[in-house]
Amino acid sequence: MPALESSKLNPAQMMILESFAGAGDADETEELMLLLRDFHASRLEREMERLDADGTLDSSRLNALRSRHLRTPYRRTAT
């Protein structure tokens, strides 16, 4: 088994941990999770707009990506 490597958390990671530690109940935890999802969705939307604006991601490229299987394949076990 490989040894676990220790790494330091960056300030954003520490802030998130402290925020979740201060959440009083499941509703507050869910609200924090929603805020994080909204934050990442907003960043993704801005990046998509940037890629569209600079021509990196045009409609033909986007259509080509829609037909590709990009998920990590499942491991098949020998039977």
PDB file of N, CA and C in Angstrom:
ATOM      1  N   MET A   1       0.849  -1.164   0.000  1.00  0.00           N
ATOM      2  CA  MET A   1       0.000   0.000   0.000  1.00  0.00           C
ATOM      3  C   MET A   1       0.902   1.236   0.000  1.00  0.00           C
ATOM      4  N   PRO A   2       0.653   2.229  -0.919  1.00  0.00           N
ATOM      5  CA  PRO A   2       1.505   3.409  -0.959  1.00  0.00           C
ATOM      6  C   PRO A   2       1.285   4.286   0.274  1.00  0.00           C
ATOM      7  N   ALA A   3       2.347   4.932   0.693  1.00  0.00           N
ATOM      8  CA  ALA A   3       2.260   5.824   1.855  1.00  0.00           C
ATOM      9  C   ALA A   3       1.478   7.076   1.479  1.00  0.00           C
ATOM     10  N   LEU A   4       0.698   7.570   2.423  1.00  0.00           N
ATOM     11  CA  LEU A   4      -0.042   8.806   2.197  1.00  0.00           C
ATOM     12  C   LEU A   4       0.904   9.980   2.331  1.00  0.00           C
ATOM     13  N   GLU A   5       0.783  10.918   1.407  1.00  0.00           N
ATOM     14  CA  GLU A   5       1.625  12.095   1.468  1.00  0.00           C
ATOM     15  C   GLU A   5       0.879  13.189   2.208  1.00  0.00           C
ATOM     16  N   SER A   6       1.582  13.903   3.031  1.00  0.00           N
ATOM     17  CA  SER A   6       1.004  15.019   3.769  1.00  0.00           C
ATOM     18  C   SER A   6       1.218  16.287   2.964  1.00  0.00           C
ATOM     19  N   SER A   7       0.183  17.089   2.865  1.00  0.00           N
ATOM     20  CA  SER A   7       0.325  18.362   2.176  1.00  0.00           C
ATOM     21  C   SER A   7      -0.399  19.429   2.980  1.00  0.00           C
ATOM     22  N   LYS A   8       0.060  20.653   2.833  1.00  0.00           N
ATOM     23  CA  LYS A   8      -0.554  21.766   3.538  1.00  0.00           C
ATOM     24  C   LYS A   8      -1.773  22.240   2.759  1.00  0.00           C
ATOM     25  N   LEU A   9      -2.779  22.656   3.495  1.00  0.00           N
ATOM     26  CA  LEU A   9      -3.975  23.203   2.867  1.00  0.00           C
ATOM     27  C   LEU A   9      -3.746  24.677   2.541  1.00  0.00           C
ATOM     28  N   ASN A  10      -4.275  25.099   1.409  1.00  0.00           N
ATOM     29  CA  ASN A  10      -4.149  26.511   1.061  1.00  0.00           C
ATOM     30  C   ASN A  10      -5.204  27.316   1.825  1.00  0.00           C
ATOM     31  N   PRO A  11      -5.112  28.630   1.802  1.00  0.00           N
ATOM     32  CA  PRO A  11      -6.055  29.448   2.577  1.00  0.00           C
ATOM     33  C   PRO A  11      -7.533  29.218   2.219  1.00  0.00           C
ATOM     34  N   ALA A  12      -7.824  28.999   0.953  1.00  0.00           N
ATOM     35  CA  ALA A  12      -9.217  28.753   0.558  1.00  0.00           C
ATOM     36  C   ALA A  12      -9.717  27.436   1.152  1.00  0.00           C
ATOM     37  N   GLN A  13      -8.876  26.401   1.127  1.00  0.00           N
ATOM     38  CA  GLN A  13      -9.263  25.117   1.702  1.00  0.00           C
ATOM     39  C   GLN A  13      -9.491  25.237   3.205  1.00  0.00           C
ATOM     40  N   MET A  14      -8.629  25.997   3.881  1.00  0.00           N
ATOM     41  CA  MET A  14      -8.796  26.202   5.319  1.00  0.00           C
ATOM     42  C   MET A  14     -10.098  26.942   5.618  1.00  0.00           C
ATOM     43  N   MET A  15     -10.412  27.957   4.824  1.00  0.00           N
ATOM     44  CA  MET A  15     -11.633  28.719   5.020  1.00  0.00           C
ATOM     45  C   MET A  15     -12.861  27.826   4.851  1.00  0.00           C
ATOM     46  N   ILE A  16     -12.822  26.955   3.862  1.00  0.00           N
ATOM     47  CA  ILE A  16     -13.948  26.046   3.625  1.00  0.00           C
ATOM     48  C   ILE A  16     -14.094  25.077   4.794  1.00  0.00           C
ATOM     49  N   LEU A  17     -12.984  24.515   5.250  1.00  0.00           N
ATOM     50  CA  LEU A  17     -13.041  23.611   6.405  1.00  0.00           C
ATOM     51  C   LEU A  17     -13.600  24.314   7.633  1.00  0.00           C
ATOM     52  N   GLU A  18     -13.148  25.526   7.874  1.00  0.00           N
ATOM     53  CA  GLU A  18     -13.639  26.272   9.027  1.00  0.00           C
ATOM     54  C   GLU A  18     -15.118  26.608   8.882  1.00  0.00           C
ATOM     55  N   SER A  19     -15.551  26.894   7.652  1.00  0.00           N
ATOM     56  CA  SER A  19     -16.962  27.194   7.423  1.00  0.00           C
ATOM     57  C   SER A  19     -17.834  25.978   7.714  1.00  0.00           C
ATOM     58  N   PHE A  20     -17.402  24.816   7.232  1.00  0.00           N
ATOM     59  CA  PHE A  20     -18.175  23.604   7.478  1.00  0.00           C
ATOM     60  C   PHE A  20     -18.129  23.206   8.949  1.00  0.00           C
ATOM     61  N   ALA A  21     -17.007  23.468   9.610  1.00  0.00           N
ATOM     62  CA  ALA A  21     -16.909  23.145  11.032  1.00  0.00           C
ATOM     63  C   ALA A  21     -17.879  23.990  11.841  1.00  0.00           C
ATOM     64  N   GLY A  22     -18.155  25.205  11.381  1.00  0.00           N
ATOM     65  CA  GLY A  22     -19.062  26.092  12.089  1.00  0.00           C
ATOM     66  C   GLY A  22     -20.523  25.890  11.739  1.00  0.00           C
ATOM     67  N   ALA A  23     -20.799  25.057  10.758  1.00  0.00           N
ATOM     68  CA  ALA A  23     -22.189  24.807  10.372  1.00  0.00           C
ATOM     69  C   ALA A  23     -22.879  24.061  11.505  1.00  0.00           C
ATOM     70  N   GLY A  24     -24.021  24.582  11.910  1.00  0.00           N
ATOM     71  CA  GLY A  24     -24.689  24.014  13.071  1.00  0.00           C
ATOM     72  C   GLY A  24     -25.502  22.773  12.786  1.00  0.00           C
ATOM     73  N   ASP A  25     -26.052  22.669  11.600  1.00  0.00           N
ATOM     74  CA  ASP A  25     -26.918  21.529  11.312  1.00  0.00           C
ATOM     75  C   ASP A  25     -26.862  21.187   9.830  1.00  0.00           C
ATOM     76  N   ALA A  26     -27.642  20.199   9.441  1.00  0.00           N
ATOM     77  CA  ALA A  26     -27.636  19.726   8.054  1.00  0.00           C
ATOM     78  C   ALA A  26     -28.096  20.810   7.092  1.00  0.00           C
ATOM     79  N   ASP A  27     -29.038  21.652   7.517  1.00  0.00           N
ATOM     80  CA  ASP A  27     -29.516  22.725   6.636  1.00  0.00           C
ATOM     81  C   ASP A  27     -28.410  23.732   6.334  1.00  0.00           C
ATOM     82  N   GLU A  28     -27.629  24.096   7.354  1.00  0.00           N
ATOM     83  CA  GLU A  28     -26.520  25.020   7.134  1.00  0.00           C
ATOM     84  C   GLU A  28     -25.446  24.387   6.251  1.00  0.00           C
ATOM     85  N   THR A  29     -25.186  23.120   6.458  1.00  0.00           N
ATOM     86  CA  THR A  29     -24.211  22.417   5.619  1.00  0.00           C
ATOM     87  C   THR A  29     -24.680  22.400   4.173  1.00  0.00           C
ATOM     88  N   GLU A  30     -25.955  22.109   3.960  1.00  0.00           N
ATOM     89  CA  GLU A  30     -26.510  22.100   2.595  1.00  0.00           C
ATOM     90  C   GLU A  30     -26.418  23.487   1.966  1.00  0.00           C
ATOM     91  N   GLU A  31     -26.666  24.530   2.752  1.00  0.00           N
ATOM     92  CA  GLU A  31     -26.573  25.890   2.233  1.00  0.00           C
ATOM     93  C   GLU A  31     -25.138  26.221   1.825  1.00  0.00           C
ATOM     94  N   LEU A  32     -24.166  25.817   2.634  1.00  0.00           N
ATOM     95  CA  LEU A  32     -22.760  26.023   2.274  1.00  0.00           C
ATOM     96  C   LEU A  32     -22.398  25.261   1.004  1.00  0.00           C
ATOM     97  N   MET A  33     -22.872  24.037   0.895  1.00  0.00           N
ATOM     98  CA  MET A  33     -22.588  23.244  -0.305  1.00  0.00           C
ATOM     99  C   MET A  33     -23.183  23.908  -1.544  1.00  0.00           C
ATOM    100  N   LEU A  34     -24.388  24.449  -1.409  1.00  0.00           N
ATOM    101  CA  LEU A  34     -25.034  25.139  -2.530  1.00  0.00           C
ATOM    102  C   LEU A  34     -24.217  26.362  -2.938  1.00  0.00           C
ATOM    103  N   LEU A  35     -23.725  27.110  -1.966  1.00  0.00           N
ATOM    104  CA  LEU A  35     -22.889  28.266  -2.282  1.00  0.00           C
ATOM    105  C   LEU A  35     -21.633  27.854  -3.033  1.00  0.00           C
ATOM    106  N   LEU A  36     -20.999  26.775  -2.615  1.00  0.00           N
ATOM    107  CA  LEU A  36     -19.798  26.294  -3.308  1.00  0.00           C
ATOM    108  C   LEU A  36     -20.119  25.830  -4.724  1.00  0.00           C
ATOM    109  N   ARG A  37     -21.235  25.116  -4.890  1.00  0.00           N
ATOM    110  CA  ARG A  37     -21.625  24.675  -6.237  1.00  0.00           C
ATOM    111  C   ARG A  37     -21.901  25.860  -7.137  1.00  0.00           C
ATOM    112  N   ASP A  38     -22.601  26.882  -6.596  1.00  0.00           N
ATOM    113  CA  ASP A  38     -22.894  28.082  -7.385  1.00  0.00           C
ATOM    114  C   ASP A  38     -21.619  28.815  -7.775  1.00  0.00           C
ATOM    115  N   PHE A  39     -20.670  28.878  -6.841  1.00  0.00           N
ATOM    116  CA  PHE A  39     -19.387  29.520  -7.117  1.00  0.00           C
ATOM    117  C   PHE A  39     -18.671  28.825  -8.274  1.00  0.00           C
ATOM    118  N   HIS A  40     -18.595  27.495  -8.213  1.00  0.00           N
ATOM    119  CA  HIS A  40     -17.903  26.754  -9.267  1.00  0.00           C
ATOM    120  C   HIS A  40     -18.667  26.806 -10.585  1.00  0.00           C
ATOM    121  N   ALA A  41     -19.976  26.802 -10.539  1.00  0.00           N
ATOM    122  CA  ALA A  41     -20.767  26.915 -11.767  1.00  0.00           C
ATOM    123  C   ALA A  41     -20.545  28.277 -12.421  1.00  0.00           C
ATOM    124  N   SER A  42     -20.447  29.321 -11.614  1.00  0.00           N
ATOM    125  CA  SER A  42     -20.195  30.661 -12.136  1.00  0.00           C
ATOM    126  C   SER A  42     -18.827  30.738 -12.802  1.00  0.00           C
ATOM    127  N   ARG A  43     -17.819  30.156 -12.146  1.00  0.00           N
ATOM    128  CA  ARG A  43     -16.475  30.151 -12.737  1.00  0.00           C
ATOM    129  C   ARG A  43     -16.455  29.364 -14.046  1.00  0.00           C
ATOM    130  N   LEU A  44     -17.141  28.241 -14.088  1.00  0.00           N
ATOM    131  CA  LEU A  44     -17.205  27.441 -15.305  1.00  0.00           C
ATOM    132  C   LEU A  44     -17.901  28.214 -16.425  1.00  0.00           C
ATOM    133  N   GLU A  45     -18.980  28.900 -16.085  1.00  0.00           N
ATOM    134  CA  GLU A  45     -19.697  29.700 -17.080  1.00  0.00           C
ATOM    135  C   GLU A  45     -18.799  30.794 -17.661  1.00  0.00           C
ATOM    136  N   ARG A  46     -18.049  31.476 -16.794  1.00  0.00           N
ATOM    137  CA  ARG A  46     -17.124  32.516 -17.285  1.00  0.00           C
ATOM    138  C   ARG A  46     -16.057  31.926 -18.197  1.00  0.00           C
ATOM    139  N   GLU A  47     -15.534  30.762 -17.829  1.00  0.00           N
ATOM    140  CA  GLU A  47     -14.515  30.124 -18.661  1.00  0.00           C
ATOM    141  C   GLU A  47     -15.089  29.706 -20.010  1.00  0.00           C
ATOM    142  N   MET A  48     -16.311  29.187 -19.994  1.00  0.00           N
ATOM    143  CA  MET A  48     -16.964  28.807 -21.263  1.00  0.00           C
ATOM    144  C   MET A  48     -17.167  30.042 -22.147  1.00  0.00           C
ATOM    145  N   GLU A  49     -17.562  31.153 -21.553  1.00  0.00           N
ATOM    146  CA  GLU A  49     -17.738  32.392 -22.315  1.00  0.00           C
ATOM    147  C   GLU A  49     -16.408  32.879 -22.879  1.00  0.00           C
ATOM    148  N   ARG A  50     -15.340  32.754 -22.091  1.00  0.00           N
ATOM    149  CA  ARG A  50     -14.015  33.168 -22.572  1.00  0.00           C
ATOM    150  C   ARG A  50     -13.569  32.305 -23.748  1.00  0.00           C
ATOM    151  N   LEU A  51     -13.767  30.990 -23.625  1.00  0.00           N
ATOM    152  CA  LEU A  51     -13.382  30.086 -24.703  1.00  0.00           C
ATOM    153  C   LEU A  51     -14.195  30.348 -25.964  1.00  0.00           C
ATOM    154  N   ASP A  52     -15.449  30.694 -25.793  1.00  0.00           N
ATOM    155  CA  ASP A  52     -16.293  31.038 -26.934  1.00  0.00           C
ATOM    156  C   ASP A  52     -15.827  32.345 -27.575  1.00  0.00           C
ATOM    157  N   ALA A  53     -15.514  33.336 -26.745  1.00  0.00           N
ATOM    158  CA  ALA A  53     -15.100  34.646 -27.249  1.00  0.00           C
ATOM    159  C   ALA A  53     -13.773  34.588 -27.998  1.00  0.00           C
ATOM    160  N   ASP A  54     -12.832  33.760 -27.530  1.00  0.00           N
ATOM    161  CA  ASP A  54     -11.531  33.719 -28.213  1.00  0.00           C
ATOM    162  C   ASP A  54     -11.488  32.677 -29.334  1.00  0.00           C
ATOM    163  N   GLY A  55     -12.614  32.000 -29.586  1.00  0.00           N
ATOM    164  CA  GLY A  55     -12.698  31.068 -30.702  1.00  0.00           C
ATOM    165  C   GLY A  55     -12.223  29.664 -30.400  1.00  0.00           C
ATOM    166  N   THR A  56     -11.792  29.410 -29.172  1.00  0.00           N
ATOM    167  CA  THR A  56     -11.321  28.082 -28.807  1.00  0.00           C
ATOM    168  C   THR A  56     -12.452  27.064 -28.837  1.00  0.00           C
ATOM    169  N   LEU A  57     -13.623  27.481 -28.417  1.00  0.00           N
ATOM    170  CA  LEU A  57     -14.760  26.576 -28.313  1.00  0.00           C
ATOM    171  C   LEU A  57     -15.911  27.126 -29.150  1.00  0.00           C
ATOM    172  N   ASP A  58     -15.902  26.820 -30.432  1.00  0.00           N
ATOM    173  CA  ASP A  58     -16.995  27.260 -31.287  1.00  0.00           C
ATOM    174  C   ASP A  58     -18.052  26.162 -31.364  1.00  0.00           C
ATOM    175  N   SER A  59     -19.130  26.416 -32.076  1.00  0.00           N
ATOM    176  CA  SER A  59     -20.246  25.467 -32.104  1.00  0.00           C
ATOM    177  C   SER A  59     -19.852  24.122 -32.715  1.00  0.00           C
ATOM    178  N   SER A  60     -18.981  24.106 -33.711  1.00  0.00           N
ATOM    179  CA  SER A  60     -18.587  22.828 -34.306  1.00  0.00           C
ATOM    180  C   SER A  60     -17.746  22.010 -33.321  1.00  0.00           C
ATOM    181  N   ARG A  61     -16.858  22.668 -32.595  1.00  0.00           N
ATOM    182  CA  ARG A  61     -16.039  21.974 -31.587  1.00  0.00           C
ATOM    183  C   ARG A  61     -16.917  21.468 -30.447  1.00  0.00           C
ATOM    184  N   LEU A  62     -17.875  22.281 -30.024  1.00  0.00           N
ATOM    185  CA  LEU A  62     -18.791  21.874 -28.967  1.00  0.00           C
ATOM    186  C   LEU A  62     -19.622  20.671 -29.407  1.00  0.00           C
ATOM    187  N   ASN A  63     -20.097  20.665 -30.632  1.00  0.00           N
ATOM    188  CA  ASN A  63     -20.857  19.521 -31.148  1.00  0.00           C
ATOM    189  C   ASN A  63     -19.993  18.266 -31.211  1.00  0.00           C
ATOM    190  N   ALA A  64     -18.729  18.408 -31.571  1.00  0.00           N
ATOM    191  CA  ALA A  64     -17.828  17.255 -31.611  1.00  0.00           C
ATOM    192  C   ALA A  64     -17.619  16.694 -30.206  1.00  0.00           C
ATOM    193  N   LEU A  65     -17.509  17.567 -29.221  1.00  0.00           N
ATOM    194  CA  LEU A  65     -17.334  17.115 -27.844  1.00  0.00           C
ATOM    195  C   LEU A  65     -18.576  16.402 -27.306  1.00  0.00           C
ATOM    196  N   ARG A  66     -19.745  16.813 -27.755  1.00  0.00           N
ATOM    197  CA  ARG A  66     -20.985  16.194 -27.279  1.00  0.00           C
ATOM    198  C   ARG A  66     -21.060  14.709 -27.608  1.00  0.00           C
ATOM    199  N   SER A  67     -20.431  14.292 -28.678  1.00  0.00           N
ATOM    200  CA  SER A  67     -20.530  12.898 -29.096  1.00  0.00           C
ATOM    201  C   SER A  67     -19.398  12.031 -28.533  1.00  0.00           C
ATOM    202  N   ARG A  68     -18.454  12.639 -27.807  1.00  0.00           N
ATOM    203  CA  ARG A  68     -17.340  11.878 -27.255  1.00  0.00           C
ATOM    204  C   ARG A  68     -17.667  11.373 -25.861  1.00  0.00           C
ATOM    205  N   HIS A  69     -17.153  10.198 -25.562  1.00  0.00           N
ATOM    206  CA  HIS A  69     -17.292   9.622 -24.232  1.00  0.00           C
ATOM    207  C   HIS A  69     -16.068  10.042 -23.430  1.00  0.00           C
ATOM    208  N   LEU A  70     -16.249  10.973 -22.464  1.00  0.00           N
ATOM    209  CA  LEU A  70     -15.119  11.536 -21.744  1.00  0.00           C
ATOM    210  C   LEU A  70     -15.013  11.048 -20.302  1.00  0.00           C
ATOM    211  N   ARG A  71     -15.916  10.204 -19.881  1.00  0.00           N
ATOM    212  CA  ARG A  71     -15.856   9.703 -18.511  1.00  0.00           C
ATOM    213  C   ARG A  71     -14.754   8.667 -18.366  1.00  0.00           C
ATOM    214  N   THR A  72     -14.266   8.542 -17.167  1.00  0.00           N
ATOM    215  CA  THR A  72     -13.263   7.530 -16.873  1.00  0.00           C
ATOM    216  C   THR A  72     -13.905   6.157 -17.013  1.00  0.00           C
ATOM    217  N   PRO A  73     -13.303   5.267 -17.784  1.00  0.00           N
ATOM    218  CA  PRO A  73     -13.916   3.941 -17.949  1.00  0.00           C
ATOM    219  C   PRO A  73     -13.875   3.149 -16.648  1.00  0.00           C
ATOM    220  N   TYR A  74     -14.887   2.355 -16.452  1.00  0.00           N
ATOM    221  CA  TYR A  74     -14.916   1.475 -15.286  1.00  0.00           C
ATOM    222  C   TYR A  74     -13.938   0.334 -15.501  1.00  0.00           C
ATOM    223  N   ARG A  75     -13.365  -0.124 -14.416  1.00  0.00           N
ATOM    224  CA  ARG A  75     -12.487  -1.291 -14.514  1.00  0.00           C
ATOM    225  C   ARG A  75     -13.337  -2.519 -14.688  1.00  0.00           C
ATOM    226  N   ARG A  76     -12.898  -3.368 -15.539  1.00  0.00           N
ATOM    227  CA  ARG A  76     -13.597  -4.644 -15.746  1.00  0.00           C
ATOM    228  C   ARG A  76     -12.845  -5.714 -14.974  1.00  0.00           C
ATOM    229  N   THR A  77     -13.575  -6.480 -14.210  1.00  0.00           N
ATOM    230  CA  THR A  77     -12.938  -7.553 -13.453  1.00  0.00           C
ATOM    231  C   THR A  77     -13.035  -8.842 -14.255  1.00  0.00           C
ATOM    232  N   ALA A  78     -12.001  -9.610 -14.183  1.00  0.00           N
ATOM    233  CA  ALA A  78     -11.984 -10.890 -14.887  1.00  0.00           C
ATOM    234  C   ALA A  78     -12.903 -11.860 -14.149  1.00  0.00           C
ATOM    235  N   THR A  79     -13.694 -12.571 -14.922  1.00  0.00           N
ATOM    236  CA  THR A  79     -14.588 -13.569 -14.317  1.00  0.00           C
ATOM    237  C   THR A  79     -14.228 -14.954 -14.760  1.00  0.00           C
TER     238      THR A  79
END
